[in-house]
PDB file of N, CA and C in Angstrom:
ATOM      1  N   MET A   1       5.169  -1.746 -12.009  1.00  0.00           N
ATOM      2  CA  MET A   1       3.949  -2.354 -12.135  1.00  0.00           C
ATOM      3  C   MET A   1       3.222  -0.269 -11.404  1.00  0.00           C
ATOM      4  N   ARG A   2       1.791  -0.255 -11.437  1.00  0.00           N
ATOM      5  CA  ARG A   2       1.269   0.483 -10.952  1.00  0.00           C
ATOM      6  C   ARG A   2      -0.050  -0.115 -10.179  1.00  0.00           C
ATOM      7  N   VAL A   3      -0.377   0.480  -9.365  1.00  0.00           N
ATOM      8  CA  VAL A   3      -1.201  -0.379  -8.658  1.00  0.00           C
ATOM      9  C   VAL A   3      -2.621   0.657  -7.722  1.00  0.00           C
ATOM     10  N   ALA A   4      -3.784   0.684  -7.823  1.00  0.00           N
ATOM     11  CA  ALA A   4      -4.913   1.308  -6.838  1.00  0.00           C
ATOM     12  C   ALA A   4      -4.789   0.580  -5.570  1.00  0.00           C
ATOM     13  N   VAL A   5      -4.776   1.377  -4.792  1.00  0.00           N
ATOM     14  CA  VAL A   5      -4.963   1.129  -3.513  1.00  0.00           C
ATOM     15  C   VAL A   5      -5.604   2.059  -2.674  1.00  0.00           C
ATOM     16  N   ARG A   6      -6.474   1.498  -1.483  1.00  0.00           N
ATOM     17  CA  ARG A   6      -7.567   2.114  -0.802  1.00  0.00           C
ATOM     18  C   ARG A   6      -7.038   2.078   0.742  1.00  0.00           C
ATOM     19  N   VAL A   7      -6.899   3.291   0.494  1.00  0.00           N
ATOM     20  CA  VAL A   7      -6.561   3.942   2.202  1.00  0.00           C
ATOM     21  C   VAL A   7      -7.092   4.355   3.438  1.00  0.00           C
ATOM     22  N   THR A   8      -7.496   3.542   4.624  1.00  0.00           N
ATOM     23  CA  THR A   8      -8.167   3.960   5.702  1.00  0.00           C
ATOM     24  C   THR A   8      -6.955   4.772   6.667  1.00  0.00           C
ATOM     25  N   PRO A   9      -7.470   5.387   7.027  1.00  0.00           N
ATOM     26  CA  PRO A   9      -5.928   6.908   7.737  1.00  0.00           C
ATOM     27  C   PRO A   9      -6.896   6.639   9.336  1.00  0.00           C
ATOM     28  N   LYS A  10      -6.169   6.654  10.277  1.00  0.00           N
ATOM     29  CA  LYS A  10      -6.509   6.758  11.913  1.00  0.00           C
ATOM     30  C   LYS A  10      -6.938   5.317  11.969  1.00  0.00           C
ATOM     31  N   SER A  11      -6.787   4.409  11.679  1.00  0.00           N
ATOM     32  CA  SER A  11      -7.192   2.861  11.910  1.00  0.00           C
ATOM     33  C   SER A  11      -6.978   2.620  13.263  1.00  0.00           C
ATOM     34  N   ARG A  12      -7.803   1.561  13.727  1.00  0.00           N
ATOM     35  CA  ARG A  12      -7.214   1.300  15.411  1.00  0.00           C
ATOM     36  C   ARG A  12      -6.301   0.148  14.815  1.00  0.00           C
ATOM     37  N   ILE A  13      -5.783  -0.383  14.079  1.00  0.00           N
ATOM     38  CA  ILE A  13      -4.791  -1.216  13.357  1.00  0.00           C
ATOM     39  C   ILE A  13      -4.175  -1.219  12.316  1.00  0.00           C
ATOM     40  N   GLU A  14      -3.021  -1.477  11.949  1.00  0.00           N
ATOM     41  CA  GLU A  14      -1.933  -1.258  10.422  1.00  0.00           C
ATOM     42  C   GLU A  14      -2.368  -2.911  10.296  1.00  0.00           C
ATOM     43  N   ALA A  15      -2.804  -2.216   8.452  1.00  0.00           N
ATOM     44  CA  ALA A  15      -2.859  -3.877   8.143  1.00  0.00           C
ATOM     45  C   ALA A  15      -3.072  -3.753   6.771  1.00  0.00           C
ATOM     46  N   VAL A  16      -2.462  -4.809   6.205  1.00  0.00           N
ATOM     47  CA  VAL A  16      -2.738  -4.577   4.383  1.00  0.00           C
ATOM     48  C   VAL A  16      -3.610  -6.352   4.152  1.00  0.00           C
ATOM     49  N   GLU A  17      -4.841  -5.282   3.637  1.00  0.00           N
ATOM     50  CA  GLU A  17      -5.800  -6.572   2.843  1.00  0.00           C
ATOM     51  C   GLU A  17      -5.840  -7.040   1.430  1.00  0.00           C
ATOM     52  N   ALA A  18      -5.469  -7.768   1.151  1.00  0.00           N
ATOM     53  CA  ALA A  18      -5.790  -7.790  -0.720  1.00  0.00           C
ATOM     54  C   ALA A  18      -6.461  -8.965  -0.974  1.00  0.00           C
ATOM     55  N   SER A  19      -6.489  -8.388  -1.866  1.00  0.00           N
ATOM     56  CA  SER A  19      -7.876  -9.949  -2.565  1.00  0.00           C
ATOM     57  C   SER A  19      -7.754  -9.896  -4.094  1.00  0.00           C
ATOM     58  N   ARG A  20      -6.627 -11.043  -4.888  1.00  0.00           N
ATOM     59  CA  ARG A  20      -6.387 -11.067  -6.077  1.00  0.00           C
ATOM     60  C   ARG A  20      -7.746 -11.200  -6.813  1.00  0.00           C
ATOM     61  N   LYS A  21      -8.659 -11.542  -6.836  1.00  0.00           N
ATOM     62  CA  LYS A  21     -10.283 -12.479  -6.832  1.00  0.00           C
ATOM     63  C   LYS A  21     -10.624 -10.700  -7.571  1.00  0.00           C
ATOM     64  N   ASP A  22     -10.655 -10.050  -6.450  1.00  0.00           N
ATOM     65  CA  ASP A  22     -11.996  -8.820  -6.155  1.00  0.00           C
ATOM     66  C   ASP A  22     -10.825  -7.670  -6.883  1.00  0.00           C
ATOM     67  N   GLY A  23      -9.439  -8.032  -6.856  1.00  0.00           N
ATOM     68  CA  GLY A  23      -8.844  -6.980  -7.705  1.00  0.00           C
ATOM     69  C   GLY A  23      -8.427  -5.505  -6.757  1.00  0.00           C
ATOM     70  N   THR A  24      -8.334  -6.125  -5.799  1.00  0.00           N
ATOM     71  CA  THR A  24      -8.752  -4.633  -4.494  1.00  0.00           C
ATOM     72  C   THR A  24      -7.331  -4.530  -3.230  1.00  0.00           C
ATOM     73  N   ILE A  25      -6.412  -3.862  -2.816  1.00  0.00           N
ATOM     74  CA  ILE A  25      -5.882  -3.867  -1.797  1.00  0.00           C
ATOM     75  C   ILE A  25      -6.292  -2.513  -1.227  1.00  0.00           C
ATOM     76  N   ARG A  26      -6.316  -3.073   0.021  1.00  0.00           N
ATOM     77  CA  ARG A  26      -7.042  -1.677   0.788  1.00  0.00           C
ATOM     78  C   ARG A  26      -5.927  -1.952   2.596  1.00  0.00           C
ATOM     79  N   VAL A  27      -5.246  -0.615   2.244  1.00  0.00           N
ATOM     80  CA  VAL A  27      -3.886  -0.645   3.208  1.00  0.00           C
ATOM     81  C   VAL A  27      -4.783   0.284   4.457  1.00  0.00           C
ATOM     82  N   ARG A  28      -4.623  -0.458   5.851  1.00  0.00           N
ATOM     83  CA  ARG A  28      -4.943   0.428   6.837  1.00  0.00           C
ATOM     84  C   ARG A  28      -3.985   1.132   7.951  1.00  0.00           C
ATOM     85  N   VAL A  29      -4.339   1.918   8.246  1.00  0.00           N
ATOM     86  CA  VAL A  29      -3.029   3.018   9.031  1.00  0.00           C
ATOM     87  C   VAL A  29      -3.275   3.607  10.212  1.00  0.00           C
ATOM     88  N   THR A  30      -2.466   3.695  11.340  1.00  0.00           N
ATOM     89  CA  THR A  30      -3.228   4.593  12.674  1.00  0.00           C
ATOM     90  C   THR A  30      -3.014   5.996  12.314  1.00  0.00           C
ATOM     91  N   ALA A  31      -1.632   6.230  12.003  1.00  0.00           N
ATOM     92  CA  ALA A  31      -1.465   7.645  11.298  1.00  0.00           C
ATOM     93  C   ALA A  31      -2.486   8.713  11.100  1.00  0.00           C
ATOM     94  N   ALA A  32      -2.641   9.414  11.138  1.00  0.00           N
ATOM     95  CA  ALA A  32      -3.673  10.728  10.784  1.00  0.00           C
ATOM     96  C   ALA A  32      -2.989  11.357   8.902  1.00  0.00           C
ATOM     97  N   PRO A  33      -4.355  11.641   8.920  1.00  0.00           N
ATOM     98  CA  PRO A  33      -3.913  12.375   6.929  1.00  0.00           C
ATOM     99  C   PRO A  33      -3.304  13.659   7.447  1.00  0.00           C
ATOM    100  N   GLU A  34      -2.511  13.973   8.109  1.00  0.00           N
ATOM    101  CA  GLU A  34      -1.801  15.324   8.146  1.00  0.00           C
ATOM    102  C   GLU A  34      -0.488  15.282   8.080  1.00  0.00           C
ATOM    103  N   ASP A  35      -0.038  16.424   7.009  1.00  0.00           N
ATOM    104  CA  ASP A  35       1.401  16.021   6.914  1.00  0.00           C
ATOM    105  C   ASP A  35       2.136  15.138   6.638  1.00  0.00           C
ATOM    106  N   GLY A  36       1.666  14.307   5.696  1.00  0.00           N
ATOM    107  CA  GLY A  36       2.071  13.283   5.055  1.00  0.00           C
ATOM    108  C   GLY A  36       2.104  12.138   6.125  1.00  0.00           C
ATOM    109  N   ARG A  37       1.733  12.276   6.779  1.00  0.00           N
ATOM    110  CA  ARG A  37       1.991  10.924   8.011  1.00  0.00           C
ATOM    111  C   ARG A  37       1.382   9.710   7.672  1.00  0.00           C
ATOM    112  N   ALA A  38       0.294   9.726   6.919  1.00  0.00           N
ATOM    113  CA  ALA A  38       0.027   8.482   6.537  1.00  0.00           C
ATOM    114  C   ALA A  38      -0.279   7.622   5.507  1.00  0.00           C
ATOM    115  N   ASN A  39       0.514   8.788   4.453  1.00  0.00           N
ATOM    116  CA  ASN A  39       0.965   8.182   3.556  1.00  0.00           C
ATOM    117  C   ASN A  39       2.794   7.761   3.308  1.00  0.00           C
ATOM    118  N   GLU A  40       3.109   7.897   4.339  1.00  0.00           N
ATOM    119  CA  GLU A  40       4.330   7.864   4.562  1.00  0.00           C
ATOM    120  C   GLU A  40       4.284   6.086   5.478  1.00  0.00           C
ATOM    121  N   ALA A  41       3.137   6.230   6.273  1.00  0.00           N
ATOM    122  CA  ALA A  41       2.523   5.125   7.128  1.00  0.00           C
ATOM    123  C   ALA A  41       2.358   3.907   5.897  1.00  0.00           C
ATOM    124  N   VAL A  42       1.170   4.812   4.918  1.00  0.00           N
ATOM    125  CA  VAL A  42       0.730   3.124   4.163  1.00  0.00           C
ATOM    126  C   VAL A  42       2.354   2.776   3.076  1.00  0.00           C
ATOM    127  N   LEU A  43       3.245   3.711   2.411  1.00  0.00           N
ATOM    128  CA  LEU A  43       4.586   3.435   1.981  1.00  0.00           C
ATOM    129  C   LEU A  43       5.180   2.481   2.984  1.00  0.00           C
ATOM    130  N   ARG A  44       5.871   2.603   4.070  1.00  0.00           N
ATOM    131  CA  ARG A  44       5.893   1.785   4.989  1.00  0.00           C
ATOM    132  C   ARG A  44       5.827   0.426   5.586  1.00  0.00           C
ATOM    133  N   LEU A  45       4.249   0.256   5.399  1.00  0.00           N
ATOM    134  CA  LEU A  45       3.801  -0.850   5.461  1.00  0.00           C
ATOM    135  C   LEU A  45       3.500  -1.920   4.123  1.00  0.00           C
ATOM    136  N   LEU A  46       3.155  -1.237   2.794  1.00  0.00           N
ATOM    137  CA  LEU A  46       4.067  -1.798   1.798  1.00  0.00           C
ATOM    138  C   LEU A  46       5.228  -2.318   1.285  1.00  0.00           C
ATOM    139  N   ARG A  47       6.384  -1.680   2.011  1.00  0.00           N
ATOM    140  CA  ARG A  47       7.559  -1.924   2.014  1.00  0.00           C
ATOM    141  C   ARG A  47       8.036  -3.230   2.695  1.00  0.00           C
ATOM    142  N   GLU A  48       7.243  -3.023   3.943  1.00  0.00           N
ATOM    143  CA  GLU A  48       7.339  -4.365   4.977  1.00  0.00           C
ATOM    144  C   GLU A  48       7.137  -5.426   4.222  1.00  0.00           C
ATOM    145  N   ARG A  49       5.574  -5.220   3.954  1.00  0.00           N
ATOM    146  CA  ARG A  49       4.849  -6.375   3.211  1.00  0.00           C
ATOM    147  C   ARG A  49       5.191  -7.268   2.013  1.00  0.00           C
ATOM    148  N   LEU A  50       5.761  -6.097   1.106  1.00  0.00           N
ATOM    149  CA  LEU A  50       6.635  -6.512  -0.096  1.00  0.00           C
ATOM    150  C   LEU A  50       8.086  -6.712  -0.072  1.00  0.00           C
ATOM    151  N   GLY A  51       8.473  -6.090   0.846  1.00  0.00           N
ATOM    152  CA  GLY A  51       9.918  -6.760   0.468  1.00  0.00           C
ATOM    153  C   GLY A  51      10.802  -6.026   0.045  1.00  0.00           C
ATOM    154  N   VAL A  52      10.134  -4.596  -0.242  1.00  0.00           N
ATOM    155  CA  VAL A  52      10.829  -4.177  -1.144  1.00  0.00           C
ATOM    156  C   VAL A  52      11.375  -2.536  -0.824  1.00  0.00           C
ATOM    157  N   ALA A  53      12.662  -2.039  -1.656  1.00  0.00           N
ATOM    158  CA  ALA A  53      13.647  -1.128  -0.860  1.00  0.00           C
ATOM    159  C   ALA A  53      12.647   0.157  -0.617  1.00  0.00           C
ATOM    160  N   ARG A  54      12.981   1.220  -0.021  1.00  0.00           N
ATOM    161  CA  ARG A  54      12.480   2.558   0.396  1.00  0.00           C
ATOM    162  C   ARG A  54      12.558   3.136  -1.174  1.00  0.00           C
ATOM    163  N   GLY A  55      13.499   2.892  -2.279  1.00  0.00           N
ATOM    164  CA  GLY A  55      13.185   3.954  -3.193  1.00  0.00           C
ATOM    165  C   GLY A  55      12.339   3.190  -4.118  1.00  0.00           C
ATOM    166  N   ALA A  56      11.940   1.925  -4.333  1.00  0.00           N
ATOM    167  CA  ALA A  56      11.526   0.988  -5.183  1.00  0.00           C
ATOM    168  C   ALA A  56       9.709   1.682  -5.123  1.00  0.00           C
ATOM    169  N   ILE A  57       9.019   1.575  -4.219  1.00  0.00           N
ATOM    170  CA  ILE A  57       7.753   2.056  -4.065  1.00  0.00           C
ATOM    171  C   ILE A  57       7.016   3.601  -3.505  1.00  0.00           C
ATOM    172  N   ARG A  58       6.541   4.303  -4.636  1.00  0.00           N
ATOM    173  CA  ARG A  58       6.034   5.683  -4.367  1.00  0.00           C
ATOM    174  C   ARG A  58       4.631   6.025  -4.435  1.00  0.00           C
ATOM    175  N   ILE A  59       4.103   6.754  -4.098  1.00  0.00           N
ATOM    176  CA  ILE A  59       2.995   7.254  -4.748  1.00  0.00           C
ATOM    177  C   ILE A  59       2.865   8.190  -5.310  1.00  0.00           C
ATOM    178  N   THR A  60       2.102   7.781  -6.781  1.00  0.00           N
ATOM    179  CA  THR A  60       2.096   8.657  -7.857  1.00  0.00           C
ATOM    180  C   THR A  60       0.933   9.419  -8.398  1.00  0.00           C
ATOM    181  N   GLY A  61      -0.011   8.734  -7.325  1.00  0.00           N
ATOM    182  CA  GLY A  61      -1.498   9.859  -7.731  1.00  0.00           C
ATOM    183  C   GLY A  61      -2.445   9.478  -6.247  1.00  0.00           C
ATOM    184  N   GLY A  62      -3.150  10.686  -6.575  1.00  0.00           N
ATOM    185  CA  GLY A  62      -3.756  10.557  -4.627  1.00  0.00           C
ATOM    186  C   GLY A  62      -3.233  10.473  -3.499  1.00  0.00           C
ATOM    187  N   ALA A  63      -2.382  12.046  -3.788  1.00  0.00           N
ATOM    188  CA  ALA A  63      -1.917  11.904  -2.554  1.00  0.00           C
ATOM    189  C   ALA A  63      -2.548  12.199  -0.990  1.00  0.00           C
ATOM    190  N   GLY A  64      -3.367  13.459  -1.821  1.00  0.00           N
ATOM    191  CA  GLY A  64      -4.548  13.627  -0.785  1.00  0.00           C
ATOM    192  C   GLY A  64      -5.693  13.428  -0.481  1.00  0.00           C
ATOM    193  N   ALA A  65      -6.216  11.887  -1.236  1.00  0.00           N
ATOM    194  CA  ALA A  65      -7.555  10.807  -0.916  1.00  0.00           C
ATOM    195  C   ALA A  65      -7.088  10.138  -0.713  1.00  0.00           C
ATOM    196  N   ARG A  66      -8.194   9.499  -0.301  1.00  0.00           N
ATOM    197  CA  ARG A  66      -8.028   7.959   0.085  1.00  0.00           C
ATOM    198  C   ARG A  66      -7.663   6.606  -0.864  1.00  0.00           C
ATOM    199  N   ARG A  67      -8.307   7.022  -2.266  1.00  0.00           N
ATOM    200  CA  ARG A  67      -7.523   6.190  -2.868  1.00  0.00           C
ATOM    201  C   ARG A  67      -6.383   6.613  -3.725  1.00  0.00           C
ATOM    202  N   LYS A  68      -5.290   6.267  -3.517  1.00  0.00           N
ATOM    203  CA  LYS A  68      -4.195   6.220  -4.096  1.00  0.00           C
ATOM    204  C   LYS A  68      -3.472   5.346  -5.515  1.00  0.00           C
ATOM    205  N   TRP A  69      -2.516   5.975  -5.754  1.00  0.00           N
ATOM    206  CA  TRP A  69      -1.583   4.861  -7.045  1.00  0.00           C
ATOM    207  C   TRP A  69      -0.501   4.912  -6.753  1.00  0.00           C
ATOM    208  N   ILE A  70       0.030   3.538  -6.322  1.00  0.00           N
ATOM    209  CA  ILE A  70       1.085   3.224  -6.129  1.00  0.00           C
ATOM    210  C   ILE A  70       1.949   2.481  -6.885  1.00  0.00           C
ATOM    211  N   GLU A  71       3.343   3.412  -7.247  1.00  0.00           N
ATOM    212  CA  GLU A  71       4.074   2.417  -8.148  1.00  0.00           C
ATOM    213  C   GLU A  71       5.038   1.833  -7.424  1.00  0.00           C
ATOM    214  N   ILE A  72       5.286   0.554  -8.327  1.00  0.00           N
ATOM    215  CA  ILE A  72       6.531  -0.311  -7.727  1.00  0.00           C
ATOM    216  C   ILE A  72       7.108  -1.091  -8.600  1.00  0.00           C
ATOM    217  N   ASP A  73       8.339  -0.553  -8.522  1.00  0.00           N
ATOM    218  CA  ASP A  73      10.184  -0.361  -9.207  1.00  0.00           C
ATOM    219  C   ASP A  73      10.125  -2.237  -9.179  1.00  0.00           C
ATOM    220  N   GLY A  74      10.234  -2.933 -10.843  1.00  0.00           N
ATOM    221  CA  GLY A  74      11.206  -4.507 -10.300  1.00  0.00           C
ATOM    222  C   GLY A  74      10.304  -5.461  -9.356  1.00  0.00           C
ATOM    223  N   MET A  75       8.575  -5.604  -9.778  1.00  0.00           N
ATOM    224  CA  MET A  75       8.027  -6.371  -9.572  1.00  0.00           C
ATOM    225  C   MET A  75       6.267  -7.026 -10.434  1.00  0.00           C
ATOM    226  N   GLU A  76       6.564  -7.858 -10.654  1.00  0.00           N
ATOM    227  CA  GLU A  76       5.652  -8.809 -11.605  1.00  0.00           C
ATOM    228  C   GLU A  76       4.469  -8.463 -10.953  1.00  0.00           C
ATOM    229  N   GLU A  77       3.594  -8.579 -11.256  1.00  0.00           N
ATOM    230  CA  GLU A  77       1.900  -8.860 -11.313  1.00  0.00           C
ATOM    231  C   GLU A  77       1.802  -9.743 -10.456  1.00  0.00           C
ATOM    232  N   ALA A  78       1.676 -11.115 -10.636  1.00  0.00           N
ATOM    233  CA  ALA A  78       1.589 -12.327 -10.042  1.00  0.00           C
ATOM    234  C   ALA A  78       2.735 -12.267  -8.972  1.00  0.00           C
ATOM    235  N   ASP A  79       4.152 -11.693  -8.571  1.00  0.00           N
ATOM    236  CA  ASP A  79       4.776 -11.713  -7.381  1.00  0.00           C
ATOM    237  C   ASP A  79       4.080 -10.512  -6.705  1.00  0.00           C
ATOM    238  N   LEU A  80       3.640  -9.947  -7.194  1.00  0.00           N
ATOM    239  CA  LEU A  80       2.972  -8.573  -6.313  1.00  0.00           C
ATOM    240  C   LEU A  80       1.526  -9.094  -5.197  1.00  0.00           C
ATOM    241  N   TRP A  81       1.106  -9.954  -5.962  1.00  0.00           N
ATOM    242  CA  TRP A  81      -0.250 -10.717  -5.271  1.00  0.00           C
ATOM    243  C   TRP A  81       0.258 -11.688  -4.488  1.00  0.00           C
ATOM    244  N   ARG A  82       1.105 -12.474  -5.095  1.00  0.00           N
ATOM    245  CA  ARG A  82       1.483 -13.638  -3.974  1.00  0.00           C
ATOM    246  C   ARG A  82       2.180 -13.353  -2.759  1.00  0.00           C
ATOM    247  N   ARG A  83       2.874 -12.274  -2.683  1.00  0.00           N
ATOM    248  CA  ARG A  83       3.304 -11.433  -1.281  1.00  0.00           C
ATOM    249  C   ARG A  83       2.256 -10.720  -0.762  1.00  0.00           C
ATOM    250  N   LEU A  84       1.502  -9.763  -0.998  1.00  0.00           N
ATOM    251  CA  LEU A  84       0.035  -9.750  -0.672  1.00  0.00           C
ATOM    252  C   LEU A  84      -0.989 -10.854  -0.169  1.00  0.00           C
ATOM    253  N   GLU A  85      -1.114 -11.551  -0.395  1.00  0.00           N
ATOM    254  CA  GLU A  85      -1.910 -12.316   0.161  1.00  0.00           C
ATOM    255  C   GLU A  85      -1.276 -13.219   0.804  1.00  0.00           C
ATOM    256  N   ALA A  86       0.165 -13.430   0.900  1.00  0.00           N
ATOM    257  CA  ALA A  86       1.182 -14.385   2.169  1.00  0.00           C
ATOM    258  C   ALA A  86       0.423 -13.974   3.308  1.00  0.00           C
ATOM    259  N   ALA A  87       0.229 -14.793   4.714  1.00  0.00           N
ATOM    260  CA  ALA A  87       0.189 -14.611   5.470  1.00  0.00           C
ATOM    261  C   ALA A  87       0.963 -13.334   5.919  1.00  0.00           C
ATOM    262  N   PRO A  88       0.592 -12.376   6.641  1.00  0.00           N
ATOM    263  CA  PRO A  88       1.251 -11.159   7.490  1.00  0.00           C
ATOM    264  C   PRO A  88       2.832 -11.856   8.407  1.00  0.00           C
TER     265      PRO A  88
END
């Protein structure tokens, strides 16, 4: 499955905020957007929250932008939202 994610680098906290109603996923990371550090932090945070393996999630578009396309292998949309909206 492929989803759009809005990223805020250099945030004070690391968090994943999701709203199925609005269809939005926002990821805040403390890493700076230099040398791919923020992208790695986004993938790490989403892996932890979704409980997927390292190779099952990747950025497929927007690597240099705040809006990114994330592809997740082996997950249905309903399962994605259930895991994202669960308490961290």
